[in-house]
Amino acid sequence: MLGYPAANYNQSTSYQNLGVPASIAFDFADTTRYHATADPNMFSVVARYRGTIAQQTLGQAPTFLSYEYGANEVLGSATSGGALPVFPAANYAALLTGHMNAIHATLPATKVAIFTVPDVASIPFCTTFKPYTVMLSTGAVTPLKGPNGDLSPNDLVLLTAKDSLAVGTGFPVGTYNYLNPAAPGNGRPLSNTQVLNVAEQTTIRTAAGLMNTAVDSVANRPFVVKVDLAALLSDMATNGYTVGATHYSTSFVTGGLFSLDGVHPTDLGHAIVANAMIDAVNARFGAGVPRANANDYMTATASSARPATTENVLAGMRIDGLEVGLRALFGNRW
């Protein structure tokens, strides 16, 4: 790693860290999307018009490299409520195979770590808000309103719905607004882009599963190791993660494993992912790479031991209403 690219923009050689935010497998060896938007964009900042990511990576003749594509191929669909299509899994599989062939043909001694595609519908961006509330008069559980009527218990209300929820949209008339109790339900539905329904979740998870089948197929090669990010994030979503005496979770704001955008891991989350890669590499290749010390990346103000304060929450969010209000109504069921 060479640090944040903007600090070394005039560096005469390619960066060793060529990870571009929002890039997909297609971009590894094709510059079509690099400058499709007005500069500056992250391709311009990282790739710097020096050729494809593949050319710059292989041109440095690394003995080891990591390859992490697939999550962005499905993330856009999840965060847009299914409005954006998933990248075709068959195309991803073809690209992945082609890239591994090219890497090995050019650098036959180079080892590669490939990450599996996680369930992006399980991140806090998708799971923070519940698709139901209660009637103020009776306490009866009542579904929120979506673009096609009542939401099902398994539909996901996205973080982008926060401003609408805060004014009562999505809540039926006469129901409790768990985000902002001062604004009762107005009966207006949430939009399609604010809800990820069950069918859309299935499409995303099916695509991720097929992509991971492709990862499994190339992971059998002797120069490749699979880093099972999907399994790691699934376990953290179910069981959390304990460091010393502090237990962390994937809960929004208070969990400590995800940042305040609800999508990207915190420093601690990244350290845990890094250790998963280190463990896989050491086991596969008999290496002795030292693990990161998770204690160095703990954030006391974003853990279950000491939750983040409300002023650190995204603008307009009322975590006190979300957590305290619904716990009062639902008890341990919330």
C-alpha atoms as a PDB file:
ATOM      1  CA  MET A   1       0.000   0.000   0.000  1.00  0.00           C
ATOM      2  CA  LEU A   2       1.237   3.458  -0.833  1.00  0.00           C
ATOM      3  CA  GLY A   3      -1.261   5.458   1.141  1.00  0.00           C
ATOM      4  CA  TYR A   4      -4.095   7.600  -0.174  1.00  0.00           C
ATOM      5  CA  PRO A   5      -3.423   8.052  -3.905  1.00  0.00           C
ATOM      6  CA  ALA A   6      -4.129  11.803  -3.978  1.00  0.00           C
ATOM      7  CA  ALA A   7      -1.141  12.354  -1.680  1.00  0.00           C
ATOM      8  CA  ASN A   8       1.139  10.732  -4.274  1.00  0.00           C
ATOM      9  CA  TYR A   9      -0.574  11.781  -7.482  1.00  0.00           C
ATOM     10  CA  ASN A  10       2.717  12.658  -9.178  1.00  0.00           C
ATOM     11  CA  GLN A  11       4.360   9.343  -8.346  1.00  0.00           C
ATOM     12  CA  SER A  12       6.218   8.172 -11.446  1.00  0.00           C
ATOM     13  CA  THR A  13       5.220   4.528 -11.058  1.00  0.00           C
ATOM     14  CA  SER A  14       1.833   2.849 -10.751  1.00  0.00           C
ATOM     15  CA  TYR A  15       0.342   2.481  -7.302  1.00  0.00           C
ATOM     16  CA  GLN A  16       0.550  -0.831  -5.547  1.00  0.00           C
ATOM     17  CA  ASN A  17      -2.978  -0.247  -4.249  1.00  0.00           C
ATOM     18  CA  LEU A  18      -5.082  -0.143  -7.433  1.00  0.00           C
ATOM     19  CA  GLY A  19      -8.435  -0.707  -5.795  1.00  0.00           C
ATOM     20  CA  VAL A  20     -10.917   1.784  -7.281  1.00  0.00           C
ATOM     21  CA  PRO A  21     -14.138   2.514  -5.369  1.00  0.00           C
ATOM     22  CA  ALA A  22     -17.235   1.359  -7.315  1.00  0.00           C
ATOM     23  CA  SER A  23     -15.145  -0.615  -9.833  1.00  0.00           C
ATOM     24  CA  ILE A  24     -16.306  -3.998 -11.100  1.00  0.00           C
ATOM     25  CA  ALA A  25     -14.543  -6.975 -12.700  1.00  0.00           C
ATOM     26  CA  PHE A  26     -15.159  -5.502 -16.158  1.00  0.00           C
ATOM     27  CA  ASP A  27     -12.853  -2.608 -15.251  1.00  0.00           C
ATOM     28  CA  PHE A  28      -9.831  -4.760 -14.466  1.00  0.00           C
ATOM     29  CA  ALA A  29      -8.753  -4.954 -18.098  1.00  0.00           C
ATOM     30  CA  ASP A  30     -11.015  -2.449 -19.862  1.00  0.00           C
ATOM     31  CA  THR A  31     -10.855   1.354 -19.624  1.00  0.00           C
ATOM     32  CA  THR A  32     -14.318   2.033 -21.083  1.00  0.00           C
ATOM     33  CA  ARG A  33     -15.770   3.190 -17.758  1.00  0.00           C
ATOM     34  CA  TYR A  34     -12.641   4.903 -16.453  1.00  0.00           C
ATOM     35  CA  HIS A  35     -13.419   8.351 -17.774  1.00  0.00           C
ATOM     36  CA  ALA A  36     -17.097   8.077 -18.589  1.00  0.00           C
ATOM     37  CA  THR A  37     -17.901  10.848 -16.096  1.00  0.00           C
ATOM     38  CA  ALA A  38     -16.428  14.297 -15.678  1.00  0.00           C
ATOM     39  CA  ASP A  39     -13.105  14.390 -13.839  1.00  0.00           C
ATOM     40  CA  PRO A  40     -12.069  14.069 -11.166  1.00  0.00           C
ATOM     41  CA  ASN A  41     -13.311  10.552 -10.555  1.00  0.00           C
ATOM     42  CA  MET A  42     -11.662   7.727  -8.702  1.00  0.00           C
ATOM     43  CA  PHE A  43     -10.391   6.016 -11.850  1.00  0.00           C
ATOM     44  CA  SER A  44      -8.567   9.227 -12.686  1.00  0.00           C
ATOM     45  CA  VAL A  45      -7.191   9.448  -9.159  1.00  0.00           C
ATOM     46  CA  VAL A  46      -6.059   5.822  -8.928  1.00  0.00           C
ATOM     47  CA  ALA A  47      -5.397   4.642 -12.492  1.00  0.00           C
ATOM     48  CA  ARG A  48      -4.197   8.133 -13.563  1.00  0.00           C
ATOM     49  CA  TYR A  49      -4.451   7.461 -17.316  1.00  0.00           C
ATOM     50  CA  ARG A  50      -1.563   5.002 -17.078  1.00  0.00           C
ATOM     51  CA  GLY A  51      -3.416   2.068 -18.664  1.00  0.00           C
ATOM     52  CA  THR A  52      -5.771  -0.569 -17.348  1.00  0.00           C
ATOM     53  CA  ILE A  53      -5.665  -1.799 -13.781  1.00  0.00           C
ATOM     54  CA  ALA A  54      -4.479  -5.147 -15.163  1.00  0.00           C
ATOM     55  CA  GLN A  55      -1.630  -3.565 -17.106  1.00  0.00           C
ATOM     56  CA  GLN A  56      -0.486  -1.548 -14.114  1.00  0.00           C
ATOM     57  CA  THR A  57      -0.784  -4.512 -11.754  1.00  0.00           C
ATOM     58  CA  LEU A  58       1.055  -7.022 -13.914  1.00  0.00           C
ATOM     59  CA  GLY A  59       3.613  -4.430 -14.993  1.00  0.00           C
ATOM     60  CA  GLN A  60       4.908  -4.314 -11.415  1.00  0.00           C
ATOM     61  CA  ALA A  61       5.491  -8.099 -11.412  1.00  0.00           C
ATOM     62  CA  PRO A  62       4.121  -8.656  -7.901  1.00  0.00           C
ATOM     63  CA  THR A  63       4.753 -11.980  -6.189  1.00  0.00           C
ATOM     64  CA  PHE A  64       1.315 -11.743  -4.539  1.00  0.00           C
ATOM     65  CA  LEU A  65      -1.871  -9.836  -5.308  1.00  0.00           C
ATOM     66  CA  SER A  66      -5.447  -9.735  -4.075  1.00  0.00           C
ATOM     67  CA  TYR A  67      -8.477  -9.717  -6.362  1.00  0.00           C
ATOM     68  CA  GLU A  68     -11.751  -8.468  -4.893  1.00  0.00           C
ATOM     69  CA  TYR A  69     -14.550  -7.976  -7.370  1.00  0.00           C
ATOM     70  CA  GLY A  70     -18.161  -9.095  -7.236  1.00  0.00           C
ATOM     71  CA  ALA A  71     -19.633  -7.115  -4.348  1.00  0.00           C
ATOM     72  CA  ASN A  72     -20.114  -3.957  -6.432  1.00  0.00           C
ATOM     73  CA  GLU A  73     -21.694  -6.062  -9.171  1.00  0.00           C
ATOM     74  CA  VAL A  74     -24.686  -6.632  -6.881  1.00  0.00           C
ATOM     75  CA  LEU A  75     -24.432  -3.739  -4.419  1.00  0.00           C
ATOM     76  CA  GLY A  76     -25.898  -1.121  -6.754  1.00  0.00           C
ATOM     77  CA  SER A  77     -29.036  -3.191  -7.176  1.00  0.00           C
ATOM     78  CA  ALA A  78     -29.381  -3.621  -3.407  1.00  0.00           C
ATOM     79  CA  THR A  79     -28.893   0.038  -2.511  1.00  0.00           C
ATOM     80  CA  SER A  80     -31.216   1.239  -5.288  1.00  0.00           C
ATOM     81  CA  GLY A  81     -34.081  -1.006  -4.215  1.00  0.00           C
ATOM     82  CA  GLY A  82     -33.634  -3.170  -7.293  1.00  0.00           C
ATOM     83  CA  ALA A  83     -33.835  -0.202  -9.666  1.00  0.00           C
ATOM     84  CA  LEU A  84     -30.366  -1.009 -11.027  1.00  0.00           C
ATOM     85  CA  PRO A  85     -29.780  -4.468 -12.494  1.00  0.00           C
ATOM     86  CA  VAL A  86     -27.208  -6.886 -11.114  1.00  0.00           C
ATOM     87  CA  PHE A  87     -24.157  -7.504 -13.261  1.00  0.00           C
ATOM     88  CA  PRO A  88     -24.745 -10.810 -15.089  1.00  0.00           C
ATOM     89  CA  ALA A  89     -23.165 -13.629 -13.113  1.00  0.00           C
ATOM     90  CA  ALA A  90     -22.151 -15.462 -16.292  1.00  0.00           C
ATOM     91  CA  ASN A  91     -20.228 -12.386 -17.456  1.00  0.00           C
ATOM     92  CA  TYR A  92     -18.511 -12.144 -14.078  1.00  0.00           C
ATOM     93  CA  ALA A  93     -17.513 -15.814 -14.282  1.00  0.00           C
ATOM     94  CA  ALA A  94     -16.042 -15.358 -17.758  1.00  0.00           C
ATOM     95  CA  LEU A  95     -14.128 -12.260 -16.687  1.00  0.00           C
ATOM     96  CA  LEU A  96     -12.814 -13.924 -13.534  1.00  0.00           C
ATOM     97  CA  THR A  97     -11.574 -16.954 -15.453  1.00  0.00           C
ATOM     98  CA  GLY A  98      -9.987 -14.796 -18.125  1.00  0.00           C
ATOM     99  CA  HIS A  99      -8.264 -12.608 -15.559  1.00  0.00           C
ATOM    100  CA  MET A 100      -6.821 -15.587 -13.693  1.00  0.00           C
ATOM    101  CA  ASN A 101      -5.588 -17.040 -16.998  1.00  0.00           C
ATOM    102  CA  ALA A 102      -3.911 -13.746 -17.913  1.00  0.00           C
ATOM    103  CA  ILE A 103      -2.300 -13.293 -14.506  1.00  0.00           C
ATOM    104  CA  HIS A 104      -0.869 -16.804 -14.504  1.00  0.00           C
ATOM    105  CA  ALA A 105       0.312 -16.616 -18.103  1.00  0.00           C
ATOM    106  CA  THR A 106       2.137 -13.348 -17.449  1.00  0.00           C
ATOM    107  CA  LEU A 107       3.373 -14.094 -13.923  1.00  0.00           C
ATOM    108  CA  PRO A 108       3.356 -17.872 -13.400  1.00  0.00           C
ATOM    109  CA  ALA A 109       4.925 -17.656  -9.941  1.00  0.00           C
ATOM    110  CA  THR A 110       2.503 -15.051  -8.592  1.00  0.00           C
ATOM    111  CA  LYS A 111      -0.017 -16.070  -5.934  1.00  0.00           C
ATOM    112  CA  VAL A 112      -3.546 -14.620  -5.923  1.00  0.00           C
ATOM    113  CA  ALA A 113      -6.130 -14.225  -3.153  1.00  0.00           C
ATOM    114  CA  ILE A 114      -9.720 -14.008  -4.414  1.00  0.00           C
ATOM    115  CA  PHE A 115     -12.583 -12.878  -2.200  1.00  0.00           C
ATOM    116  CA  THR A 116     -16.042 -14.394  -2.363  1.00  0.00           C
ATOM    117  CA  VAL A 117     -19.075 -12.151  -2.879  1.00  0.00           C
ATOM    118  CA  PRO A 118     -20.911 -11.327   0.369  1.00  0.00           C
ATOM    119  CA  ASP A 119     -24.660 -11.073   0.896  1.00  0.00           C
ATOM    120  CA  VAL A 120     -25.017  -7.328   0.391  1.00  0.00           C
ATOM    121  CA  ALA A 121     -28.671  -7.480   1.464  1.00  0.00           C
ATOM    122  CA  SER A 122     -27.496  -8.253   5.006  1.00  0.00           C
ATOM    123  CA  ILE A 123     -25.526  -5.030   5.567  1.00  0.00           C
ATOM    124  CA  PRO A 124     -26.877  -2.262   7.855  1.00  0.00           C
ATOM    125  CA  PHE A 125     -27.865  -0.175   4.820  1.00  0.00           C
ATOM    126  CA  CYS A 126     -30.551  -2.784   4.185  1.00  0.00           C
ATOM    127  CA  THR A 127     -31.393  -4.099   7.638  1.00  0.00           C
ATOM    128  CA  THR A 128     -31.598  -1.122  10.007  1.00  0.00           C
ATOM    129  CA  PHE A 129     -35.277  -0.228   9.526  1.00  0.00           C
ATOM    130  CA  LYS A 130     -38.042  -2.737  10.143  1.00  0.00           C
ATOM    131  CA  PRO A 131     -40.899  -3.106   7.610  1.00  0.00           C
ATOM    132  CA  TYR A 132     -43.510  -2.931  10.360  1.00  0.00           C
ATOM    133  CA  THR A 133     -44.607  -0.833  13.330  1.00  0.00           C
ATOM    134  CA  VAL A 134     -47.624  -0.805  15.685  1.00  0.00           C
ATOM    135  CA  MET A 135     -50.976   0.925  15.869  1.00  0.00           C
ATOM    136  CA  LEU A 136     -50.913   3.633  18.511  1.00  0.00           C
ATOM    137  CA  SER A 137     -54.411   2.787  19.698  1.00  0.00           C
ATOM    138  CA  THR A 138     -54.133  -0.987  20.019  1.00  0.00           C
ATOM    139  CA  GLY A 139     -50.430  -1.903  19.792  1.00  0.00           C
ATOM    140  CA  ALA A 140     -51.223  -4.295  16.921  1.00  0.00           C
ATOM    141  CA  VAL A 141     -48.273  -4.991  14.644  1.00  0.00           C
ATOM    142  CA  THR A 142     -48.878  -3.241  11.329  1.00  0.00           C
ATOM    143  CA  PRO A 143     -46.846  -3.362   8.089  1.00  0.00           C
ATOM    144  CA  LEU A 144     -45.329  -0.242   6.596  1.00  0.00           C
ATOM    145  CA  LYS A 145     -46.582   0.878   3.197  1.00  0.00           C
ATOM    146  CA  GLY A 146     -44.442   0.308   0.114  1.00  0.00           C
ATOM    147  CA  PRO A 147     -44.874   1.055  -3.570  1.00  0.00           C
ATOM    148  CA  ASN A 148     -47.144  -1.950  -4.074  1.00  0.00           C
ATOM    149  CA  GLY A 149     -49.067  -1.875  -0.813  1.00  0.00           C
ATOM    150  CA  ASP A 150     -48.278  -3.396   2.560  1.00  0.00           C
ATOM    151  CA  LEU A 151     -44.704  -4.570   2.994  1.00  0.00           C
ATOM    152  CA  SER A 152     -44.096  -8.187   3.896  1.00  0.00           C
ATOM    153  CA  PRO A 153     -42.173  -9.065   7.079  1.00  0.00           C
ATOM    154  CA  ASN A 154     -39.142  -9.983   4.941  1.00  0.00           C
ATOM    155  CA  ASP A 155     -39.024  -6.864   2.774  1.00  0.00           C
ATOM    156  CA  LEU A 156     -36.142  -4.521   3.545  1.00  0.00           C
ATOM    157  CA  VAL A 157     -36.514  -0.779   4.134  1.00  0.00           C
ATOM    158  CA  LEU A 158     -33.297   0.888   3.031  1.00  0.00           C
ATOM    159  CA  LEU A 159     -31.298   3.557   4.790  1.00  0.00           C
ATOM    160  CA  THR A 160     -32.200   5.962   1.982  1.00  0.00           C
ATOM    161  CA  ALA A 161     -35.761   5.967   3.362  1.00  0.00           C
ATOM    162  CA  LYS A 162     -34.674   7.854   6.489  1.00  0.00           C
ATOM    163  CA  ASP A 163     -35.893  11.298   5.404  1.00  0.00           C
ATOM    164  CA  SER A 164     -39.256   9.909   4.298  1.00  0.00           C
ATOM    165  CA  LEU A 165     -39.696   7.904   7.487  1.00  0.00           C
ATOM    166  CA  ALA A 166     -38.778  10.940   9.572  1.00  0.00           C
ATOM    167  CA  VAL A 167     -41.843  12.833   8.288  1.00  0.00           C
ATOM    168  CA  GLY A 168     -44.207   9.859   8.615  1.00  0.00           C
ATOM    169  CA  THR A 169     -44.096   8.516   5.063  1.00  0.00           C
ATOM    170  CA  GLY A 170     -44.334   4.736   4.914  1.00  0.00           C
ATOM    171  CA  PHE A 171     -46.227   4.607   8.206  1.00  0.00           C
ATOM    172  CA  PRO A 172     -50.001   4.029   7.979  1.00  0.00           C
ATOM    173  CA  VAL A 173     -52.210   6.674   9.558  1.00  0.00           C
ATOM    174  CA  GLY A 174     -52.553   6.008  13.279  1.00  0.00           C
ATOM    175  CA  THR A 175     -49.293   4.086  13.648  1.00  0.00           C
ATOM    176  CA  TYR A 176     -46.174   4.752  15.677  1.00  0.00           C
ATOM    177  CA  ASN A 177     -43.282   6.391  13.844  1.00  0.00           C
ATOM    178  CA  TYR A 178     -40.296   4.552  15.291  1.00  0.00           C
ATOM    179  CA  LEU A 179     -37.819   6.947  13.705  1.00  0.00           C
ATOM    180  CA  ASN A 180     -39.469  10.195  14.748  1.00  0.00           C
ATOM    181  CA  PRO A 181     -42.394   9.745  17.150  1.00  0.00           C
ATOM    182  CA  ALA A 182     -43.280  13.428  16.783  1.00  0.00           C
ATOM    183  CA  ALA A 183     -44.367  12.817  13.159  1.00  0.00           C
ATOM    184  CA  PRO A 184     -47.249  10.329  13.073  1.00  0.00           C
ATOM    185  CA  GLY A 185     -47.849   8.114  10.060  1.00  0.00           C
ATOM    186  CA  ASN A 186     -49.220  10.027   7.071  1.00  0.00           C
ATOM    187  CA  GLY A 187     -50.275   6.988   5.047  1.00  0.00           C
ATOM    188  CA  ARG A 188     -48.120   7.786   2.026  1.00  0.00           C
ATOM    189  CA  PRO A 189     -46.091   4.851   0.662  1.00  0.00           C
ATOM    190  CA  LEU A 190     -42.336   4.582   0.424  1.00  0.00           C
ATOM    191  CA  SER A 191     -40.945   4.592  -3.102  1.00  0.00           C
ATOM    192  CA  ASN A 192     -39.608   1.583  -4.967  1.00  0.00           C
ATOM    193  CA  THR A 193     -36.009   2.766  -4.574  1.00  0.00           C
ATOM    194  CA  GLN A 194     -36.425   2.835  -0.783  1.00  0.00           C
ATOM    195  CA  VAL A 195     -37.501  -0.794  -0.464  1.00  0.00           C
ATOM    196  CA  LEU A 196     -35.792  -4.041  -1.423  1.00  0.00           C
ATOM    197  CA  ASN A 197     -38.531  -6.618  -1.691  1.00  0.00           C
ATOM    198  CA  VAL A 198     -38.160 -10.375  -1.356  1.00  0.00           C
ATOM    199  CA  ALA A 199     -38.038 -11.008  -5.112  1.00  0.00           C
ATOM    200  CA  GLU A 200     -35.288  -8.413  -5.536  1.00  0.00           C
ATOM    201  CA  GLN A 201     -33.332  -9.924  -2.655  1.00  0.00           C
ATOM    202  CA  THR A 202     -33.609 -13.334  -4.290  1.00  0.00           C
ATOM    203  CA  THR A 203     -32.267 -11.981  -7.579  1.00  0.00           C
ATOM    204  CA  ILE A 204     -29.271 -10.445  -5.814  1.00  0.00           C
ATOM    205  CA  ARG A 205     -28.516 -13.509  -3.700  1.00  0.00           C
ATOM    206  CA  THR A 206     -28.869 -15.856  -6.669  1.00  0.00           C
ATOM    207  CA  ALA A 207     -26.370 -13.784  -8.655  1.00  0.00           C
ATOM    208  CA  ALA A 208     -23.932 -13.692  -5.723  1.00  0.00           C
ATOM    209  CA  GLY A 209     -24.231 -17.462  -5.354  1.00  0.00           C
ATOM    210  CA  LEU A 210     -23.407 -18.026  -9.013  1.00  0.00           C
ATOM    211  CA  MET A 211     -20.448 -15.658  -8.752  1.00  0.00           C
ATOM    212  CA  ASN A 212     -19.167 -17.584  -5.762  1.00  0.00           C
ATOM    213  CA  THR A 213     -19.468 -20.810  -7.734  1.00  0.00           C
ATOM    214  CA  ALA A 214     -17.119 -19.206 -10.254  1.00  0.00           C
ATOM    215  CA  VAL A 215     -14.730 -18.260  -7.436  1.00  0.00           C
ATOM    216  CA  ASP A 216     -14.775 -21.871  -6.232  1.00  0.00           C
ATOM    217  CA  SER A 217     -13.925 -23.068  -9.727  1.00  0.00           C
ATOM    218  CA  VAL A 218     -10.741 -20.990 -10.001  1.00  0.00           C
ATOM    219  CA  ALA A 219      -9.787 -21.464  -6.342  1.00  0.00           C
ATOM    220  CA  ASN A 220      -8.766 -25.029  -7.207  1.00  0.00           C
ATOM    221  CA  ARG A 221      -5.769 -23.710  -9.091  1.00  0.00           C
ATOM    222  CA  PRO A 222      -2.506 -24.090  -7.154  1.00  0.00           C
ATOM    223  CA  PHE A 223      -1.651 -20.390  -7.328  1.00  0.00           C
ATOM    224  CA  VAL A 224      -5.050 -19.205  -6.009  1.00  0.00           C
ATOM    225  CA  VAL A 225      -6.473 -19.024  -2.490  1.00  0.00           C
ATOM    226  CA  LYS A 226     -10.112 -18.272  -1.694  1.00  0.00           C
ATOM    227  CA  VAL A 227     -10.876 -15.773   1.058  1.00  0.00           C
ATOM    228  CA  ASP A 228     -14.451 -16.487   2.125  1.00  0.00           C
ATOM    229  CA  LEU A 229     -15.695 -12.966   2.780  1.00  0.00           C
ATOM    230  CA  ALA A 230     -19.282 -14.130   2.331  1.00  0.00           C
ATOM    231  CA  ALA A 231     -18.999 -16.620   5.185  1.00  0.00           C
ATOM    232  CA  LEU A 232     -17.172 -14.120   7.388  1.00  0.00           C
ATOM    233  CA  LEU A 233     -19.795 -11.383   7.016  1.00  0.00           C
ATOM    234  CA  SER A 234     -22.609 -13.892   7.432  1.00  0.00           C
ATOM    235  CA  ASP A 235     -21.096 -15.057  10.709  1.00  0.00           C
ATOM    236  CA  MET A 236     -20.599 -11.477  11.905  1.00  0.00           C
ATOM    237  CA  ALA A 237     -24.215 -10.631  11.036  1.00  0.00           C
ATOM    238  CA  THR A 238     -25.424 -13.640  13.035  1.00  0.00           C
ATOM    239  CA  ASN A 239     -22.980 -13.778  15.932  1.00  0.00           C
ATOM    240  CA  GLY A 240     -21.080 -10.488  15.958  1.00  0.00           C
ATOM    241  CA  TYR A 241     -17.373 -10.401  16.761  1.00  0.00           C
ATOM    242  CA  THR A 242     -15.634 -10.212  20.105  1.00  0.00           C
ATOM    243  CA  VAL A 243     -12.316  -8.458  20.679  1.00  0.00           C
ATOM    244  CA  GLY A 244     -11.071  -8.788  24.234  1.00  0.00           C
ATOM    245  CA  ALA A 245     -13.980  -7.934  26.510  1.00  0.00           C
ATOM    246  CA  THR A 246     -15.917  -5.990  23.861  1.00  0.00           C
ATOM    247  CA  HIS A 247     -18.537  -7.577  21.645  1.00  0.00           C
ATOM    248  CA  TYR A 248     -19.214  -5.920  18.304  1.00  0.00           C
ATOM    249  CA  SER A 249     -22.105  -6.416  15.895  1.00  0.00           C
ATOM    250  CA  THR A 250     -23.287  -5.301  12.472  1.00  0.00           C
ATOM    251  CA  SER A 251     -25.958  -3.020  13.979  1.00  0.00           C
ATOM    252  CA  PHE A 252     -26.022   0.433  12.429  1.00  0.00           C
ATOM    253  CA  VAL A 253     -24.097   3.077  14.406  1.00  0.00           C
ATOM    254  CA  THR A 254     -23.791   1.115  17.640  1.00  0.00           C
ATOM    255  CA  GLY A 255     -22.355  -2.151  16.322  1.00  0.00           C
ATOM    256  CA  GLY A 256     -18.833  -0.988  15.559  1.00  0.00           C
ATOM    257  CA  LEU A 257     -18.223  -3.220  12.527  1.00  0.00           C
ATOM    258  CA  PHE A 258     -19.788  -0.990   9.853  1.00  0.00           C
ATOM    259  CA  SER A 259     -19.255   2.696   9.190  1.00  0.00           C
ATOM    260  CA  LEU A 260     -21.991   5.326   9.186  1.00  0.00           C
ATOM    261  CA  ASP A 261     -22.797   4.825   5.503  1.00  0.00           C
ATOM    262  CA  GLY A 262     -24.133   1.384   6.431  1.00  0.00           C
ATOM    263  CA  VAL A 263     -22.113  -0.214   3.634  1.00  0.00           C
ATOM    264  CA  HIS A 264     -18.377  -0.144   4.320  1.00  0.00           C
ATOM    265  CA  PRO A 265     -16.624  -1.718   7.311  1.00  0.00           C
ATOM    266  CA  THR A 266     -15.021   0.411  10.006  1.00  0.00           C
ATOM    267  CA  ASP A 267     -11.266   0.253  10.578  1.00  0.00           C
ATOM    268  CA  LEU A 268     -11.917  -2.667  12.919  1.00  0.00           C
ATOM    269  CA  GLY A 269     -14.093  -4.369  10.317  1.00  0.00           C
ATOM    270  CA  HIS A 270     -11.336  -3.989   7.735  1.00  0.00           C
ATOM    271  CA  ALA A 271      -8.774  -5.414  10.177  1.00  0.00           C
ATOM    272  CA  ILE A 272     -10.984  -8.482  10.665  1.00  0.00           C
ATOM    273  CA  VAL A 273     -11.281  -8.932   6.894  1.00  0.00           C
ATOM    274  CA  ALA A 274      -7.510  -8.487   6.524  1.00  0.00           C
ATOM    275  CA  ASN A 275      -6.927 -11.221   9.103  1.00  0.00           C
ATOM    276  CA  ALA A 276      -9.252 -13.533   7.210  1.00  0.00           C
ATOM    277  CA  MET A 277      -7.106 -13.032   4.121  1.00  0.00           C
ATOM    278  CA  ILE A 278      -3.884 -13.501   6.095  1.00  0.00           C
ATOM    279  CA  ASP A 279      -5.167 -16.725   7.633  1.00  0.00           C
ATOM    280  CA  ALA A 280      -6.206 -18.081   4.231  1.00  0.00           C
ATOM    281  CA  VAL A 281      -2.899 -17.163   2.618  1.00  0.00           C
ATOM    282  CA  ASN A 282      -0.834 -18.660   5.435  1.00  0.00           C
ATOM    283  CA  ALA A 283      -2.818 -21.889   5.401  1.00  0.00           C
ATOM    284  CA  ARG A 284      -2.803 -22.272   1.616  1.00  0.00           C
ATOM    285  CA  PHE A 285       0.791 -21.327   0.850  1.00  0.00           C
ATOM    286  CA  GLY A 286       2.584 -22.093   4.117  1.00  0.00           C
ATOM    287  CA  ALA A 287       3.379 -18.411   4.574  1.00  0.00           C
ATOM    288  CA  GLY A 288       4.042 -16.634   7.860  1.00  0.00           C
ATOM    289  CA  VAL A 289       2.325 -13.292   7.386  1.00  0.00           C
ATOM    290  CA  PRO A 290       1.604 -11.781  10.832  1.00  0.00           C
ATOM    291  CA  ARG A 291      -2.022 -11.008  11.678  1.00  0.00           C
ATOM    292  CA  ALA A 292      -3.229  -7.478  12.306  1.00  0.00           C
ATOM    293  CA  ASN A 293      -3.760  -6.633  15.977  1.00  0.00           C
ATOM    294  CA  ALA A 294      -7.495  -5.978  16.177  1.00  0.00           C
ATOM    295  CA  ASN A 295      -6.980  -4.008  19.405  1.00  0.00           C
ATOM    296  CA  ASP A 296      -5.227  -1.329  17.362  1.00  0.00           C
ATOM    297  CA  TYR A 297      -8.422  -0.714  15.382  1.00  0.00           C
ATOM    298  CA  MET A 298     -11.081  -0.801  18.096  1.00  0.00           C
ATOM    299  CA  THR A 299     -13.286   2.284  18.229  1.00  0.00           C
ATOM    300  CA  ALA A 300     -14.738   2.823  21.673  1.00  0.00           C
ATOM    301  CA  THR A 301     -17.368   5.287  20.442  1.00  0.00           C
ATOM    302  CA  ALA A 302     -18.816   2.847  17.902  1.00  0.00           C
ATOM    303  CA  SER A 303     -19.146  -0.342  19.907  1.00  0.00           C
ATOM    304  CA  SER A 304     -21.808  -2.052  21.927  1.00  0.00           C
ATOM    305  CA  ALA A 305     -19.755  -1.205  25.002  1.00  0.00           C
ATOM    306  CA  ARG A 306     -20.027   2.510  24.308  1.00  0.00           C
ATOM    307  CA  PRO A 307     -22.495   3.348  21.521  1.00  0.00           C
ATOM    308  CA  ALA A 308     -21.913   6.267  19.213  1.00  0.00           C
ATOM    309  CA  THR A 309     -23.574   9.494  20.297  1.00  0.00           C
ATOM    310  CA  THR A 310     -26.547  10.814  18.342  1.00  0.00           C
ATOM    311  CA  GLU A 311     -24.596  13.741  16.893  1.00  0.00           C
ATOM    312  CA  ASN A 312     -22.511  11.226  14.924  1.00  0.00           C
ATOM    313  CA  VAL A 313     -25.579   9.726  13.265  1.00  0.00           C
ATOM    314  CA  LEU A 314     -26.458  10.536   9.661  1.00  0.00           C
ATOM    315  CA  ALA A 315     -28.353  13.817   9.397  1.00  0.00           C
ATOM    316  CA  GLY A 316     -32.021  13.482  10.205  1.00  0.00           C
ATOM    317  CA  MET A 317     -31.810  10.075  11.884  1.00  0.00           C
ATOM    318  CA  ARG A 318     -33.298   9.488  15.307  1.00  0.00           C
ATOM    319  CA  ILE A 319     -31.675   6.364  16.689  1.00  0.00           C
ATOM    320  CA  ASP A 320     -33.216   7.076  20.075  1.00  0.00           C
ATOM    321  CA  GLY A 321     -36.659   6.755  18.528  1.00  0.00           C
ATOM    322  CA  LEU A 322     -35.695   3.715  16.506  1.00  0.00           C
ATOM    323  CA  GLU A 323     -34.143   1.728  19.340  1.00  0.00           C
ATOM    324  CA  VAL A 324     -35.775   2.956  22.535  1.00  0.00           C
ATOM    325  CA  GLY A 325     -39.249   3.445  21.114  1.00  0.00           C
ATOM    326  CA  LEU A 326     -39.502   0.062  19.483  1.00  0.00           C
ATOM    327  CA  ARG A 327     -37.885  -1.762  22.360  1.00  0.00           C
ATOM    328  CA  ALA A 328     -40.545  -0.246  24.611  1.00  0.00           C
ATOM    329  CA  LEU A 329     -43.263  -1.521  22.289  1.00  0.00           C
ATOM    330  CA  PHE A 330     -41.838  -4.870  21.219  1.00  0.00           C
ATOM    331  CA  GLY A 331     -39.537  -5.754  24.115  1.00  0.00           C
ATOM    332  CA  ASN A 332     -37.157  -8.565  23.273  1.00  0.00           C
ATOM    333  CA  ARG A 333     -38.903  -9.230  19.964  1.00  0.00           C
ATOM    334  CA  TRP A 334     -37.266  -6.104  18.474  1.00  0.00           C
END
